[in-house]
PDB file of N, CA and C in Angstrom:
ATOM      1  N   MET A   1      91.104 116.508 109.814  1.00  0.00           N
ATOM      2  CA  MET A   1      90.531 116.489 108.581  1.00  0.00           C
ATOM      3  C   MET A   1      89.749 115.128 107.987  1.00  0.00           C
ATOM      4  N   ASN A   2      88.474 115.605 107.325  1.00  0.00           N
ATOM      5  CA  ASN A   2      87.923 114.851 106.804  1.00  0.00           C
ATOM      6  C   ASN A   2      88.270 114.057 105.280  1.00  0.00           C
ATOM      7  N   SER A   3      87.983 112.402 105.134  1.00  0.00           N
ATOM      8  CA  SER A   3      88.481 112.473 104.110  1.00  0.00           C
ATOM      9  C   SER A   3      88.039 113.260 102.491  1.00  0.00           C
ATOM     10  N   THR A   4      86.369 113.614 102.569  1.00  0.00           N
ATOM     11  CA  THR A   4      86.780 114.557 101.480  1.00  0.00           C
ATOM     12  C   THR A   4      87.591 115.647 101.321  1.00  0.00           C
ATOM     13  N   HIS A   5      88.232 116.197 102.686  1.00  0.00           N
ATOM     14  CA  HIS A   5      88.880 117.300 102.172  1.00  0.00           C
ATOM     15  C   HIS A   5      90.355 116.863 101.515  1.00  0.00           C
ATOM     16  N   LEU A   6      90.430 115.262 102.433  1.00  0.00           N
ATOM     17  CA  LEU A   6      91.675 114.711 101.880  1.00  0.00           C
ATOM     18  C   LEU A   6      91.925 114.452 100.888  1.00  0.00           C
ATOM     19  N   LEU A   7      90.543 113.845  99.853  1.00  0.00           N
ATOM     20  CA  LEU A   7      91.090 113.716  98.454  1.00  0.00           C
ATOM     21  C   LEU A   7      91.030 114.578  97.702  1.00  0.00           C
ATOM     22  N   THR A   8      90.299 116.104  98.472  1.00  0.00           N
ATOM     23  CA  THR A   8      91.507 117.059  97.284  1.00  0.00           C
ATOM     24  C   THR A   8      92.207 117.588  96.850  1.00  0.00           C
ATOM     25  N   ARG A   9      93.686 116.665  97.415  1.00  0.00           N
ATOM     26  CA  ARG A   9      94.847 116.758  97.693  1.00  0.00           C
ATOM     27  C   ARG A   9      95.324 116.313  96.490  1.00  0.00           C
ATOM     28  N   ILE A  10      94.497 115.315  95.817  1.00  0.00           N
ATOM     29  CA  ILE A  10      94.662 114.262  94.722  1.00  0.00           C
ATOM     30  C   ILE A  10      94.113 114.704  93.187  1.00  0.00           C
ATOM     31  N   THR A  11      95.619 115.089  92.602  1.00  0.00           N
ATOM     32  CA  THR A  11      94.667 115.958  91.670  1.00  0.00           C
ATOM     33  C   THR A  11      95.018 114.970  90.443  1.00  0.00           C
ATOM     34  N   GLN A  12      94.596 114.766  89.180  1.00  0.00           N
ATOM     35  CA  GLN A  12      95.031 114.338  88.091  1.00  0.00           C
ATOM     36  C   GLN A  12      94.733 115.105  86.361  1.00  0.00           C
ATOM     37  N   VAL A  13      95.847 116.071  86.113  1.00  0.00           N
ATOM     38  CA  VAL A  13      96.019 116.706  84.925  1.00  0.00           C
ATOM     39  C   VAL A  13      96.475 115.490  83.198  1.00  0.00           C
ATOM     40  N   SER A  14      95.580 115.580  82.662  1.00  0.00           N
ATOM     41  CA  SER A  14      96.016 114.880  81.625  1.00  0.00           C
ATOM     42  C   SER A  14      97.467 115.407  80.851  1.00  0.00           C
ATOM     43  N   GLY A  15      97.696 116.522  80.934  1.00  0.00           N
ATOM     44  CA  GLY A  15      99.582 116.411  80.533  1.00  0.00           C
ATOM     45  C   GLY A  15     100.287 116.016  81.451  1.00  0.00           C
ATOM     46  N   GLN A  16      99.947 116.094  82.894  1.00  0.00           N
ATOM     47  CA  GLN A  16     101.093 115.737  83.485  1.00  0.00           C
ATOM     48  C   GLN A  16     101.067 114.235  84.123  1.00  0.00           C
ATOM     49  N   CYS A  17     102.053 114.174  84.169  1.00  0.00           N
ATOM     50  CA  CYS A  17     102.419 112.174  84.968  1.00  0.00           C
ATOM     51  C   CYS A  17     101.879 111.401  83.954  1.00  0.00           C
ATOM     52  N   GLY A  18     101.286 111.913  82.880  1.00  0.00           N
ATOM     53  CA  GLY A  18     100.861 111.025  82.058  1.00  0.00           C
ATOM     54  C   GLY A  18      99.131 110.743  82.674  1.00  0.00           C
ATOM     55  N   GLY A  19      99.110 111.714  82.453  1.00  0.00           N
ATOM     56  CA  GLY A  19      97.570 111.494  83.471  1.00  0.00           C
ATOM     57  C   GLY A  19      96.944 111.051  84.964  1.00  0.00           C
ATOM     58  N   ARG A  20      98.465 110.222  85.435  1.00  0.00           N
ATOM     59  CA  ARG A  20      98.236 110.039  86.613  1.00  0.00           C
ATOM     60  C   ARG A  20      98.124 110.574  87.924  1.00  0.00           C
ATOM     61  N   PRO A  21      97.064 109.686  89.319  1.00  0.00           N
ATOM     62  CA  PRO A  21      96.867 111.128  90.013  1.00  0.00           C
ATOM     63  C   PRO A  21      98.423 111.751  90.485  1.00  0.00           C
ATOM     64  N   CYS A  22      98.457 112.323  91.155  1.00  0.00           N
ATOM     65  CA  CYS A  22      99.053 113.046  91.726  1.00  0.00           C
ATOM     66  C   CYS A  22      99.130 114.243  92.818  1.00  0.00           C
ATOM     67  N   ILE A  23      99.840 114.096  93.686  1.00  0.00           N
ATOM     68  CA  ILE A  23      99.568 115.152  94.775  1.00  0.00           C
ATOM     69  C   ILE A  23      99.638 116.634  94.732  1.00  0.00           C
ATOM     70  N   ARG A  24      98.069 117.403  95.155  1.00  0.00           N
ATOM     71  CA  ARG A  24      98.276 118.570  94.762  1.00  0.00           C
ATOM     72  C   ARG A  24      98.859 119.493  93.800  1.00  0.00           C
ATOM     73  N   GLY A  25      98.463 118.713  92.706  1.00  0.00           N
ATOM     74  CA  GLY A  25      99.306 119.430  91.102  1.00  0.00           C
ATOM     75  C   GLY A  25     100.542 118.795  91.111  1.00  0.00           C
ATOM     76  N   MET A  26     101.601 118.464  92.018  1.00  0.00           N
ATOM     77  CA  MET A  26     103.098 118.791  92.026  1.00  0.00           C
ATOM     78  C   MET A  26     103.193 117.392  91.315  1.00  0.00           C
ATOM     79  N   ARG A  27     104.425 116.930  90.746  1.00  0.00           N
ATOM     80  CA  ARG A  27     104.709 115.725  90.261  1.00  0.00           C
ATOM     81  C   ARG A  27     104.897 114.622  90.305  1.00  0.00           C
ATOM     82  N   ILE A  28     104.763 114.557  92.071  1.00  0.00           N
ATOM     83  CA  ILE A  28     104.621 113.579  92.776  1.00  0.00           C
ATOM     84  C   ILE A  28     103.457 112.423  92.647  1.00  0.00           C
ATOM     85  N   ARG A  29     103.694 111.356  92.505  1.00  0.00           N
ATOM     86  CA  ARG A  29     102.521 110.650  91.964  1.00  0.00           C
ATOM     87  C   ARG A  29     101.878 109.500  93.299  1.00  0.00           C
ATOM     88  N   VAL A  30     100.557 109.300  93.534  1.00  0.00           N
ATOM     89  CA  VAL A  30     100.360 108.504  94.665  1.00  0.00           C
ATOM     90  C   VAL A  30     100.791 107.341  94.721  1.00  0.00           C
ATOM     91  N   SER A  31     101.197 106.626  93.069  1.00  0.00           N
ATOM     92  CA  SER A  31     101.726 105.450  93.373  1.00  0.00           C
ATOM     93  C   SER A  31     103.321 105.278  93.390  1.00  0.00           C
ATOM     94  N   ASP A  32     103.761 106.582  93.855  1.00  0.00           N
ATOM     95  CA  ASP A  32     105.388 106.949  94.190  1.00  0.00           C
ATOM     96  C   ASP A  32     105.404 106.469  95.749  1.00  0.00           C
ATOM     97  N   ILE A  33     104.423 107.131  96.037  1.00  0.00           N
ATOM     98  CA  ILE A  33     103.842 107.680  97.738  1.00  0.00           C
ATOM     99  C   ILE A  33     103.607 106.128  98.162  1.00  0.00           C
ATOM    100  N   LEU A  34     103.117 105.118  97.477  1.00  0.00           N
ATOM    101  CA  LEU A  34     102.030 104.014  97.991  1.00  0.00           C
ATOM    102  C   LEU A  34     103.695 102.487  97.724  1.00  0.00           C
ATOM    103  N   GLU A  35     103.827 102.894  96.844  1.00  0.00           N
ATOM    104  CA  GLU A  35     105.243 101.910  96.549  1.00  0.00           C
ATOM    105  C   GLU A  35     106.478 102.293  97.986  1.00  0.00           C
ATOM    106  N   MET A  36     106.533 103.672  98.179  1.00  0.00           N
ATOM    107  CA  MET A  36     107.525 103.499  99.011  1.00  0.00           C
ATOM    108  C   MET A  36     107.041 103.205 100.075  1.00  0.00           C
ATOM    109  N   LEU A  37     105.849 103.196 100.625  1.00  0.00           N
ATOM    110  CA  LEU A  37     105.244 102.872 101.783  1.00  0.00           C
ATOM    111  C   LEU A  37     105.065 101.433 102.138  1.00  0.00           C
ATOM    112  N   ALA A  38     105.009 100.419 100.496  1.00  0.00           N
ATOM    113  CA  ALA A  38     104.680  98.988 101.021  1.00  0.00           C
ATOM    114  C   ALA A  38     106.489  98.581 100.933  1.00  0.00           C
ATOM    115  N   GLU A  39     107.586  99.071 100.699  1.00  0.00           N
ATOM    116  CA  GLU A  39     108.862  98.958 100.706  1.00  0.00           C
ATOM    117  C   GLU A  39     109.987  99.497 102.256  1.00  0.00           C
ATOM    118  N   ASN A  40     108.545  99.868 103.060  1.00  0.00           N
ATOM    119  CA  ASN A  40     108.900  99.904 104.465  1.00  0.00           C
ATOM    120  C   ASN A  40     109.459 101.211 104.819  1.00  0.00           C
ATOM    121  N   VAL A  41     109.659 102.058 103.322  1.00  0.00           N
ATOM    122  CA  VAL A  41     109.960 103.680 103.793  1.00  0.00           C
ATOM    123  C   VAL A  41     109.236 104.634 104.788  1.00  0.00           C
ATOM    124  N   THR A  42     109.574 104.762 105.883  1.00  0.00           N
ATOM    125  CA  THR A  42     108.387 105.279 106.692  1.00  0.00           C
ATOM    126  C   THR A  42     108.037 106.637 106.243  1.00  0.00           C
ATOM    127  N   THR A  43     106.782 106.990 107.093  1.00  0.00           N
ATOM    128  CA  THR A  43     106.523 108.878 106.639  1.00  0.00           C
ATOM    129  C   THR A  43     107.687 109.563 106.945  1.00  0.00           C
ATOM    130  N   ALA A  44     107.980 109.629 108.592  1.00  0.00           N
ATOM    131  CA  ALA A  44     108.958 110.613 108.447  1.00  0.00           C
ATOM    132  C   ALA A  44     110.343 110.560 106.893  1.00  0.00           C
ATOM    133  N   GLU A  45     110.883 109.754 106.328  1.00  0.00           N
ATOM    134  CA  GLU A  45     111.609 109.698 105.769  1.00  0.00           C
ATOM    135  C   GLU A  45     111.017 109.928 104.450  1.00  0.00           C
ATOM    136  N   ILE A  46     109.542 109.907 104.111  1.00  0.00           N
ATOM    137  CA  ILE A  46     108.929 109.905 102.960  1.00  0.00           C
ATOM    138  C   ILE A  46     109.286 111.707 103.212  1.00  0.00           C
ATOM    139  N   LEU A  47     108.637 112.168 104.172  1.00  0.00           N
ATOM    140  CA  LEU A  47     108.340 114.104 104.180  1.00  0.00           C
ATOM    141  C   LEU A  47     109.919 114.343 104.281  1.00  0.00           C
ATOM    142  N   GLU A  48     111.158 113.566 104.886  1.00  0.00           N
ATOM    143  CA  GLU A  48     112.271 114.207 104.545  1.00  0.00           C
ATOM    144  C   GLU A  48     112.807 114.582 102.994  1.00  0.00           C
ATOM    145  N   ASP A  49     112.361 113.221 102.022  1.00  0.00           N
ATOM    146  CA  ASP A  49     112.557 113.462 100.934  1.00  0.00           C
ATOM    147  C   ASP A  49     112.294 114.110  99.841  1.00  0.00           C
ATOM    148  N   PHE A  50     110.450 114.640 100.738  1.00  0.00           N
ATOM    149  CA  PHE A  50     109.773 115.236  99.355  1.00  0.00           C
ATOM    150  C   PHE A  50     109.560 116.386 100.621  1.00  0.00           C
ATOM    151  N   PRO A  51     110.550 117.306 100.910  1.00  0.00           N
ATOM    152  CA  PRO A  51     110.207 118.627 101.553  1.00  0.00           C
ATOM    153  C   PRO A  51     108.625 119.165 101.716  1.00  0.00           C
ATOM    154  N   ASP A  52     108.047 119.537 100.246  1.00  0.00           N
ATOM    155  CA  ASP A  52     107.191 119.751  99.985  1.00  0.00           C
ATOM    156  C   ASP A  52     105.440 119.265 100.359  1.00  0.00           C
ATOM    157  N   LEU A  53     105.687 118.081 100.893  1.00  0.00           N
ATOM    158  CA  LEU A  53     104.960 116.833 101.314  1.00  0.00           C
ATOM    159  C   LEU A  53     104.621 117.154 102.621  1.00  0.00           C
ATOM    160  N   GLU A  54     103.419 117.043 103.150  1.00  0.00           N
ATOM    161  CA  GLU A  54     102.815 117.080 104.575  1.00  0.00           C
ATOM    162  C   GLU A  54     102.407 115.814 104.837  1.00  0.00           C
ATOM    163  N   MET A  55     101.673 115.587 105.927  1.00  0.00           N
ATOM    164  CA  MET A  55     101.463 114.141 106.456  1.00  0.00           C
ATOM    165  C   MET A  55     100.181 114.029 106.031  1.00  0.00           C
ATOM    166  N   ALA A  56      99.456 114.941 105.583  1.00  0.00           N
ATOM    167  CA  ALA A  56      98.068 115.028 105.008  1.00  0.00           C
ATOM    168  C   ALA A  56      98.047 114.544 103.905  1.00  0.00           C
ATOM    169  N   ASP A  57      98.930 114.701 102.854  1.00  0.00           N
ATOM    170  CA  ASP A  57      99.158 114.011 101.425  1.00  0.00           C
ATOM    171  C   ASP A  57      99.256 113.115 101.489  1.00  0.00           C
ATOM    172  N   ILE A  58     100.392 112.021 102.414  1.00  0.00           N
ATOM    173  CA  ILE A  58     100.376 110.862 102.687  1.00  0.00           C
ATOM    174  C   ILE A  58      98.951 110.123 102.695  1.00  0.00           C
ATOM    175  N   GLN A  59      98.475 110.748 103.851  1.00  0.00           N
ATOM    176  CA  GLN A  59      97.083 110.012 104.361  1.00  0.00           C
ATOM    177  C   GLN A  59      96.000 109.980 103.296  1.00  0.00           C
ATOM    178  N   ALA A  60      96.053 110.989 102.053  1.00  0.00           N
ATOM    179  CA  ALA A  60      95.179 111.191 101.076  1.00  0.00           C
ATOM    180  C   ALA A  60      95.940 110.142 100.184  1.00  0.00           C
ATOM    181  N   CYS A  61      96.957 109.689  99.698  1.00  0.00           N
ATOM    182  CA  CYS A  61      97.371 108.405  99.238  1.00  0.00           C
ATOM    183  C   CYS A  61      96.562 107.175  99.467  1.00  0.00           C
ATOM    184  N   LEU A  62      96.958 107.141 101.201  1.00  0.00           N
ATOM    185  CA  LEU A  62      96.406 105.988 101.319  1.00  0.00           C
ATOM    186  C   LEU A  62      94.683 105.816 100.799  1.00  0.00           C
ATOM    187  N   LEU A  63      94.255 106.813 101.503  1.00  0.00           N
ATOM    188  CA  LEU A  63      92.564 106.630 101.100  1.00  0.00           C
ATOM    189  C   LEU A  63      92.067 106.653  99.756  1.00  0.00           C
ATOM    190  N   PHE A  64      93.172 107.605  99.034  1.00  0.00           N
ATOM    191  CA  PHE A  64      92.703 107.612  97.597  1.00  0.00           C
ATOM    192  C   PHE A  64      92.741 106.207  97.161  1.00  0.00           C
ATOM    193  N   ALA A  65      93.778 105.367  97.911  1.00  0.00           N
ATOM    194  CA  ALA A  65      94.366 103.763  97.213  1.00  0.00           C
ATOM    195  C   ALA A  65      93.441 103.188  97.701  1.00  0.00           C
ATOM    196  N   ALA A  66      92.489 103.405  98.846  1.00  0.00           N
ATOM    197  CA  ALA A  66      91.849 102.319  99.564  1.00  0.00           C
ATOM    198  C   ALA A  66      90.450 102.684  98.726  1.00  0.00           C
ATOM    199  N   ARG A  67      90.120 103.685  98.055  1.00  0.00           N
ATOM    200  CA  ARG A  67      88.854 104.246  97.587  1.00  0.00           C
ATOM    201  C   ARG A  67      89.026 103.383  96.220  1.00  0.00           C
ATOM    202  N   ARG A  68      89.437 103.007  95.646  1.00  0.00           N
ATOM    203  CA  ARG A  68      89.793 102.848  94.401  1.00  0.00           C
ATOM    204  C   ARG A  68      89.573 101.363  94.741  1.00  0.00           C
ATOM    205  N   THR A  69      90.488 100.443  95.481  1.00  0.00           N
ATOM    206  CA  THR A  69      89.938  98.768  95.286  1.00  0.00           C
ATOM    207  C   THR A  69      88.599  98.353  95.901  1.00  0.00           C
ATOM    208  N   ASP A  70      87.502  99.505  96.414  1.00  0.00           N
ATOM    209  CA  ASP A  70      86.692  98.881  97.035  1.00  0.00           C
ATOM    210  C   ASP A  70      85.661  98.978  96.044  1.00  0.00           C
ATOM    211  N   VAL A  71      85.761  98.113  95.203  1.00  0.00           N
ATOM    212  CA  VAL A  71      85.092  97.766  93.748  1.00  0.00           C
ATOM    213  C   VAL A  71      83.878  96.914  94.146  1.00  0.00           C
ATOM    214  N   PRO A  72      82.924  96.784  94.166  1.00  0.00           N
ATOM    215  CA  PRO A  72      81.425  95.896  94.160  1.00  0.00           C
ATOM    216  C   PRO A  72      81.542  95.180  93.821  1.00  0.00           C
ATOM    217  N   GLN A  73      81.648  93.469  93.785  1.00  0.00           N
ATOM    218  CA  GLN A  73      81.777  92.403  92.542  1.00  0.00           C
ATOM    219  C   GLN A  73      80.156  92.036  92.179  1.00  0.00           C
ATOM    220  N   LEU A  74      79.745  91.642  91.390  1.00  0.00           N
ATOM    221  CA  LEU A  74      78.840  91.534  90.789  1.00  0.00           C
ATOM    222  C   LEU A  74      78.857  89.846  90.500  1.00  0.00           C
ATOM    223  N   THR A  75      77.921  89.114  91.113  1.00  0.00           N
ATOM    224  CA  THR A  75      77.820  87.338  90.619  1.00  0.00           C
ATOM    225  C   THR A  75      76.873  87.057  90.302  1.00  0.00           C
ATOM    226  N   ALA A  76      76.578  86.268  89.655  1.00  0.00           N
ATOM    227  CA  ALA A  76      75.621  85.768  88.921  1.00  0.00           C
ATOM    228  C   ALA A  76      75.022  84.630  89.773  1.00  0.00           C
TER     229      ALA A  76
END
């Protein structure tokens, strides 16, 4: 699955979860998945806890975060 297609899995709706990025319109926030991964929760455990999620959703969260942190720095 290419990166453009992965990123379509991330949605932002102003009235849902305070406008925070979510997965496929569900009320599962990207930040929740990223925090679980940071706390060493395995992808298998995440998928077990959230049966509506797919592995591609977790990959989309990681790609979304990577793209958000790739900010060019301006130097004087």
